[in-house]
PDB file of all heavy atoms in Angstrom:
ATOM      1  N   ALA A   1      99.704 144.040 124.068  1.00  0.00           N
ATOM      2  CA  ALA A   1      98.480 144.446 123.578  1.00  0.00           C
ATOM      3  C   ALA A   1      97.440 144.312 124.787  1.00  0.00           C
ATOM      4  O   ALA A   1      96.449 145.085 124.963  1.00  0.00           O
ATOM      5  CB  ALA A   1      98.023 143.669 122.407  1.00  0.00           C
ATOM      6  N   ALA A   2      97.382 143.031 125.431  1.00  0.00           N
ATOM      7  CA  ALA A   2      96.449 142.839 126.488  1.00  0.00           C
ATOM      8  C   ALA A   2      96.582 143.676 127.658  1.00  0.00           C
ATOM      9  O   ALA A   2      95.540 144.502 128.071  1.00  0.00           O
ATOM     10  CB  ALA A   2      96.460 141.409 126.907  1.00  0.00           C
ATOM     11  N   PRO A   3      97.684 144.052 128.227  1.00  0.00           N
ATOM     12  CA  PRO A   3      97.880 144.930 129.281  1.00  0.00           C
ATOM     13  C   PRO A   3      97.477 146.392 128.970  1.00  0.00           C
ATOM     14  O   PRO A   3      96.841 147.123 129.754  1.00  0.00           O
ATOM     15  CB  PRO A   3      99.355 144.867 129.699  1.00  0.00           C
ATOM     16  CG  PRO A   3      99.720 143.555 129.294  1.00  0.00           C
ATOM     17  CD  PRO A   3      99.056 143.214 128.078  1.00  0.00           C
ATOM     18  N   VAL A   4      97.837 146.816 127.668  1.00  0.00           N
ATOM     19  CA  VAL A   4      97.559 148.212 127.318  1.00  0.00           C
ATOM     20  C   VAL A   4      96.074 148.279 127.152  1.00  0.00           C
ATOM     21  O   VAL A   4      95.397 149.412 127.564  1.00  0.00           O
ATOM     22  CB  VAL A   4      98.177 148.512 125.993  1.00  0.00           C
ATOM     23  CG1 VAL A   4      97.760 149.980 125.434  1.00  0.00           C
ATOM     24  CG2 VAL A   4      99.818 148.642 126.254  1.00  0.00           C
ATOM     25  N   LEU A   5      95.377 147.359 126.561  1.00  0.00           N
ATOM     26  CA  LEU A   5      93.922 147.282 126.345  1.00  0.00           C
ATOM     27  C   LEU A   5      93.130 147.356 127.786  1.00  0.00           C
ATOM     28  O   LEU A   5      92.223 148.203 127.923  1.00  0.00           O
ATOM     29  CB  LEU A   5      93.504 146.066 125.774  1.00  0.00           C
ATOM     30  CG  LEU A   5      91.939 145.722 125.702  1.00  0.00           C
ATOM     31  CD1 LEU A   5      91.224 146.892 124.834  1.00  0.00           C
ATOM     32  CD2 LEU A   5      91.638 144.350 125.138  1.00  0.00           C
ATOM     33  N   VAL A   6      93.757 146.619 128.762  1.00  0.00           N
ATOM     34  CA  VAL A   6      93.045 146.657 130.104  1.00  0.00           C
ATOM     35  C   VAL A   6      93.250 148.085 130.687  1.00  0.00           C
ATOM     36  O   VAL A   6      92.322 148.564 131.403  1.00  0.00           O
ATOM     37  CB  VAL A   6      93.698 145.570 131.052  1.00  0.00           C
ATOM     38  CG1 VAL A   6      93.225 145.851 132.497  1.00  0.00           C
ATOM     39  CG2 VAL A   6      93.285 144.230 130.418  1.00  0.00           C
ATOM     40  N   THR A   7      94.353 148.731 130.583  1.00  0.00           N
ATOM     41  CA  THR A   7      94.633 150.068 131.074  1.00  0.00           C
ATOM     42  C   THR A   7      93.624 150.962 130.581  1.00  0.00           C
ATOM     43  O   THR A   7      92.988 151.919 131.193  1.00  0.00           O
ATOM     44  CB  THR A   7      96.067 150.525 130.687  1.00  0.00           C
ATOM     45  OG1 THR A   7      96.948 149.604 131.267  1.00  0.00           O
ATOM     46  CG2 THR A   7      96.335 151.904 131.384  1.00  0.00           C
ATOM     47  N   GLU A   8      93.338 150.891 129.190  1.00  0.00           N
ATOM     48  CA  GLU A   8      92.349 151.784 128.538  1.00  0.00           C
ATOM     49  C   GLU A   8      91.020 151.551 129.095  1.00  0.00           C
ATOM     50  O   GLU A   8      90.226 152.541 129.224  1.00  0.00           O
ATOM     51  CB  GLU A   8      92.400 151.729 127.114  1.00  0.00           C
ATOM     52  CG  GLU A   8      93.781 152.144 126.373  1.00  0.00           C
ATOM     53  CD  GLU A   8      94.012 153.663 126.591  1.00  0.00           C
ATOM     54  OE1 GLU A   8      92.916 154.383 126.499  1.00  0.00           O
ATOM     55  OE2 GLU A   8      95.038 153.974 126.853  1.00  0.00           O
ATOM     56  N   LEU A   9      90.622 150.236 129.292  1.00  0.00           N
ATOM     57  CA  LEU A   9      89.196 149.956 129.751  1.00  0.00           C
ATOM     58  C   LEU A   9      89.163 150.428 131.099  1.00  0.00           C
ATOM     59  O   LEU A   9      88.044 150.786 131.561  1.00  0.00           O
ATOM     60  CB  LEU A   9      89.077 148.354 129.638  1.00  0.00           C
ATOM     61  CG  LEU A   9      88.973 147.811 128.220  1.00  0.00           C
ATOM     62  CD1 LEU A   9      88.866 146.335 128.430  1.00  0.00           C
ATOM     63  CD2 LEU A   9      87.884 148.320 127.490  1.00  0.00           C
ATOM     64  N   GLY A  10      90.209 150.379 131.923  1.00  0.00           N
ATOM     65  CA  GLY A  10      90.091 150.924 133.313  1.00  0.00           C
ATOM     66  C   GLY A  10      90.131 152.357 133.509  1.00  0.00           C
ATOM     67  O   GLY A  10      90.025 152.972 134.536  1.00  0.00           O
ATOM     68  N   GLY A  11      90.218 153.129 132.407  1.00  0.00           N
ATOM     69  CA  GLY A  11      90.290 154.629 132.555  1.00  0.00           C
ATOM     70  C   GLY A  11      91.345 155.256 131.910  1.00  0.00           C
ATOM     71  O   GLY A  11      91.455 156.546 131.778  1.00  0.00           O
ATOM     72  N   GLY A  12      92.348 154.590 131.506  1.00  0.00           N
ATOM     73  CA  GLY A  12      93.349 155.103 130.870  1.00  0.00           C
ATOM     74  C   GLY A  12      94.675 155.240 131.726  1.00  0.00           C
ATOM     75  O   GLY A  12      94.524 155.099 132.972  1.00  0.00           O
ATOM     76  N   GLU A  13      95.868 155.438 131.167  1.00  0.00           N
ATOM     77  CA  GLU A  13      97.148 155.377 131.908  1.00  0.00           C
ATOM     78  C   GLU A  13      97.142 156.692 132.754  1.00  0.00           C
ATOM     79  O   GLU A  13      96.718 157.752 132.493  1.00  0.00           O
ATOM     80  CB  GLU A  13      98.387 155.511 131.008  1.00  0.00           C
ATOM     81  CG  GLU A  13      99.567 155.268 131.686  1.00  0.00           C
ATOM     82  CD  GLU A  13     100.805 155.161 130.699  1.00  0.00           C
ATOM     83  OE1 GLU A  13     100.506 155.054 129.344  1.00  0.00           O
ATOM     84  OE2 GLU A  13     101.915 155.190 131.029  1.00  0.00           O
ATOM     85  N   GLY A  14      97.492 156.360 134.024  1.00  0.00           N
ATOM     86  CA  GLY A  14      97.654 157.486 134.959  1.00  0.00           C
ATOM     87  C   GLY A  14      96.428 157.645 136.000  1.00  0.00           C
ATOM     88  O   GLY A  14      96.461 158.218 137.091  1.00  0.00           O
ATOM     89  N   THR A  15      95.246 156.941 135.565  1.00  0.00           N
ATOM     90  CA  THR A  15      94.219 156.924 136.517  1.00  0.00           C
ATOM     91  C   THR A  15      94.137 155.756 137.516  1.00  0.00           C
ATOM     92  O   THR A  15      94.963 154.783 137.147  1.00  0.00           O
ATOM     93  CB  THR A  15      92.905 156.669 135.715  1.00  0.00           C
ATOM     94  OG1 THR A  15      92.901 155.444 135.096  1.00  0.00           O
ATOM     95  CG2 THR A  15      92.867 157.861 134.650  1.00  0.00           C
ATOM     96  N   LEU A  16      93.495 155.794 138.571  1.00  0.00           N
ATOM     97  CA  LEU A  16      93.580 154.825 139.634  1.00  0.00           C
ATOM     98  C   LEU A  16      92.997 153.412 139.078  1.00  0.00           C
ATOM     99  O   LEU A  16      93.487 152.453 139.189  1.00  0.00           O
ATOM    100  CB  LEU A  16      92.742 155.212 140.739  1.00  0.00           C
ATOM    101  CG  LEU A  16      92.612 154.213 141.851  1.00  0.00           C
ATOM    102  CD1 LEU A  16      93.984 153.750 142.428  1.00  0.00           C
ATOM    103  CD2 LEU A  16      91.745 154.705 143.088  1.00  0.00           C
ATOM    104  N   GLY A  17      91.884 153.523 138.216  1.00  0.00           N
ATOM    105  CA  GLY A  17      91.222 152.361 137.640  1.00  0.00           C
ATOM    106  C   GLY A  17      92.204 151.727 136.724  1.00  0.00           C
ATOM    107  O   GLY A  17      92.247 150.489 136.653  1.00  0.00           O
ATOM    108  N   GLY A  18      92.809 152.548 135.818  1.00  0.00           N
ATOM    109  CA  GLY A  18      93.753 151.961 134.880  1.00  0.00           C
ATOM    110  C   GLY A  18      95.050 151.390 135.501  1.00  0.00           C
ATOM    111  O   GLY A  18      95.342 150.269 135.055  1.00  0.00           O
ATOM    112  N   SER A  19      95.501 151.971 136.440  1.00  0.00           N
ATOM    113  CA  SER A  19      96.685 151.447 137.190  1.00  0.00           C
ATOM    114  C   SER A  19      96.309 150.164 137.899  1.00  0.00           C
ATOM    115  O   SER A  19      97.059 149.166 137.890  1.00  0.00           O
ATOM    116  CB  SER A  19      97.141 152.441 138.198  1.00  0.00           C
ATOM    117  OG  SER A  19      97.584 153.645 137.503  1.00  0.00           O
ATOM    118  N   LEU A  20      95.033 150.011 138.599  1.00  0.00           N
ATOM    119  CA  LEU A  20      94.741 148.834 139.244  1.00  0.00           C
ATOM    120  C   LEU A  20      94.438 147.681 138.355  1.00  0.00           C
ATOM    121  O   LEU A  20      94.858 146.586 138.461  1.00  0.00           O
ATOM    122  CB  LEU A  20      93.553 149.213 140.093  1.00  0.00           C
ATOM    123  CG  LEU A  20      92.914 147.955 140.923  1.00  0.00           C
ATOM    124  CD1 LEU A  20      94.039 147.560 141.960  1.00  0.00           C
ATOM    125  CD2 LEU A  20      91.761 148.381 141.629  1.00  0.00           C
ATOM    126  N   ALA A  21      93.818 148.025 137.183  1.00  0.00           N
ATOM    127  CA  ALA A  21      93.383 146.930 136.233  1.00  0.00           C
ATOM    128  C   ALA A  21      94.731 146.470 135.585  1.00  0.00           C
ATOM    129  O   ALA A  21      94.873 145.150 135.475  1.00  0.00           O
ATOM    130  CB  ALA A  21      92.500 147.594 135.268  1.00  0.00           C
ATOM    131  N   LEU A  22      95.695 147.353 135.367  1.00  0.00           N
ATOM    132  CA  LEU A  22      96.996 146.927 134.800  1.00  0.00           C
ATOM    133  C   LEU A  22      97.639 146.072 135.712  1.00  0.00           C
ATOM    134  O   LEU A  22      98.264 145.026 135.370  1.00  0.00           O
ATOM    135  CB  LEU A  22      97.695 148.020 134.353  1.00  0.00           C
ATOM    136  CG  LEU A  22      99.162 147.895 133.757  1.00  0.00           C
ATOM    137  CD1 LEU A  22      99.111 146.969 132.612  1.00  0.00           C
ATOM    138  CD2 LEU A  22      99.901 149.142 133.609  1.00  0.00           C
ATOM    139  N   ALA A  23      97.687 146.446 136.994  1.00  0.00           N
ATOM    140  CA  ALA A  23      98.489 145.743 138.031  1.00  0.00           C
ATOM    141  C   ALA A  23      97.926 144.353 138.172  1.00  0.00           C
ATOM    142  O   ALA A  23      98.677 143.290 138.288  1.00  0.00           O
ATOM    143  CB  ALA A  23      98.370 146.530 139.321  1.00  0.00           C
ATOM    144  N   LEU A  24      96.605 144.191 138.200  1.00  0.00           N
ATOM    145  CA  LEU A  24      96.058 142.889 138.401  1.00  0.00           C
ATOM    146  C   LEU A  24      96.365 141.871 137.189  1.00  0.00           C
ATOM    147  O   LEU A  24      96.706 140.827 137.248  1.00  0.00           O
ATOM    148  CB  LEU A  24      94.416 142.975 138.508  1.00  0.00           C
ATOM    149  CG  LEU A  24      93.931 143.510 139.882  1.00  0.00           C
ATOM    150  CD1 LEU A  24      92.507 143.878 139.739  1.00  0.00           C
ATOM    151  CD2 LEU A  24      94.176 142.515 140.955  1.00  0.00           C
ATOM    152  N   VAL A  25      96.094 142.468 135.931  1.00  0.00           N
ATOM    153  CA  VAL A  25      96.366 141.755 134.692  1.00  0.00           C
ATOM    154  C   VAL A  25      97.889 141.169 134.758  1.00  0.00           C
ATOM    155  O   VAL A  25      98.199 140.121 134.450  1.00  0.00           O
ATOM    156  CB  VAL A  25      96.023 142.468 133.514  1.00  0.00           C
ATOM    157  CG1 VAL A  25      96.433 141.738 132.256  1.00  0.00           C
ATOM    158  CG2 VAL A  25      94.486 142.512 133.492  1.00  0.00           C
ATOM    159  N   SER A  26      98.677 142.153 135.010  1.00  0.00           N
ATOM    160  CA  SER A  26     100.214 141.983 134.848  1.00  0.00           C
ATOM    161  C   SER A  26     100.426 140.798 135.922  1.00  0.00           C
ATOM    162  O   SER A  26     101.301 140.020 135.646  1.00  0.00           O
ATOM    163  CB  SER A  26     100.896 143.170 135.051  1.00  0.00           C
ATOM    164  OG  SER A  26     100.524 144.077 134.144  1.00  0.00           O
ATOM    165  N   ALA A  27     100.009 140.992 137.182  1.00  0.00           N
ATOM    166  CA  ALA A  27     100.354 140.058 138.257  1.00  0.00           C
ATOM    167  C   ALA A  27      99.980 138.670 137.924  1.00  0.00           C
ATOM    168  O   ALA A  27     100.720 137.571 138.069  1.00  0.00           O
ATOM    169  CB  ALA A  27      99.693 140.477 139.516  1.00  0.00           C
ATOM    170  N   VAL A  28      98.728 138.524 137.437  1.00  0.00           N
ATOM    171  CA  VAL A  28      98.145 137.138 137.152  1.00  0.00           C
ATOM    172  C   VAL A  28      98.967 136.728 135.920  1.00  0.00           C
ATOM    173  O   VAL A  28      99.237 135.482 135.752  1.00  0.00           O
ATOM    174  CB  VAL A  28      96.687 137.199 136.821  1.00  0.00           C
ATOM    175  CG1 VAL A  28      96.180 135.897 136.208  1.00  0.00           C
ATOM    176  CG2 VAL A  28      95.878 137.575 138.130  1.00  0.00           C
ATOM    177  N   ALA A  29      99.126 137.499 134.757  1.00  0.00           N
ATOM    178  CA  ALA A  29      99.900 137.017 133.615  1.00  0.00           C
ATOM    179  C   ALA A  29     101.309 136.651 133.966  1.00  0.00           C
ATOM    180  O   ALA A  29     101.921 135.557 133.510  1.00  0.00           O
ATOM    181  CB  ALA A  29     100.005 138.179 132.681  1.00  0.00           C
ATOM    182  N   PHE A  30     102.006 137.254 134.860  1.00  0.00           N
ATOM    183  CA  PHE A  30     103.258 136.839 135.363  1.00  0.00           C
ATOM    184  C   PHE A  30     103.284 135.580 136.052  1.00  0.00           C
ATOM    185  O   PHE A  30     104.139 134.577 135.861  1.00  0.00           O
ATOM    186  CB  PHE A  30     103.847 137.951 136.336  1.00  0.00           C
ATOM    187  CG  PHE A  30     105.373 137.670 136.736  1.00  0.00           C
ATOM    188  CD1 PHE A  30     106.279 137.881 135.713  1.00  0.00           C
ATOM    189  CD2 PHE A  30     105.731 137.162 137.927  1.00  0.00           C
ATOM    190  CE1 PHE A  30     107.688 137.620 136.047  1.00  0.00           C
ATOM    191  CE2 PHE A  30     106.965 136.935 138.324  1.00  0.00           C
ATOM    192  CZ  PHE A  30     108.041 137.096 137.385  1.00  0.00           C
ATOM    193  N   ALA A  31     102.194 135.446 136.965  1.00  0.00           N
ATOM    194  CA  ALA A  31     102.044 134.141 137.619  1.00  0.00           C
ATOM    195  C   ALA A  31     101.831 132.922 136.576  1.00  0.00           C
ATOM    196  O   ALA A  31     102.305 131.791 136.742  1.00  0.00           O
ATOM    197  CB  ALA A  31     100.885 134.222 138.673  1.00  0.00           C
ATOM    198  N   SER A  32     101.107 133.231 135.542  1.00  0.00           N
ATOM    199  CA  SER A  32     100.828 132.404 134.420  1.00  0.00           C
ATOM    200  C   SER A  32     102.170 131.811 133.781  1.00  0.00           C
ATOM    201  O   SER A  32     102.262 130.724 133.554  1.00  0.00           O
ATOM    202  CB  SER A  32      99.810 132.951 133.566  1.00  0.00           C
ATOM    203  OG  SER A  32      99.678 132.074 132.299  1.00  0.00           O
TER     204      SER A  32
END
């Protein structure tokens, strides 16, 4: 739910903003 939400806030799946936001959240979540 959190990664999908961030993707939508970043502009949606397939957009640069959505991809970057998802990548950042996922990387930090994985480190967590």
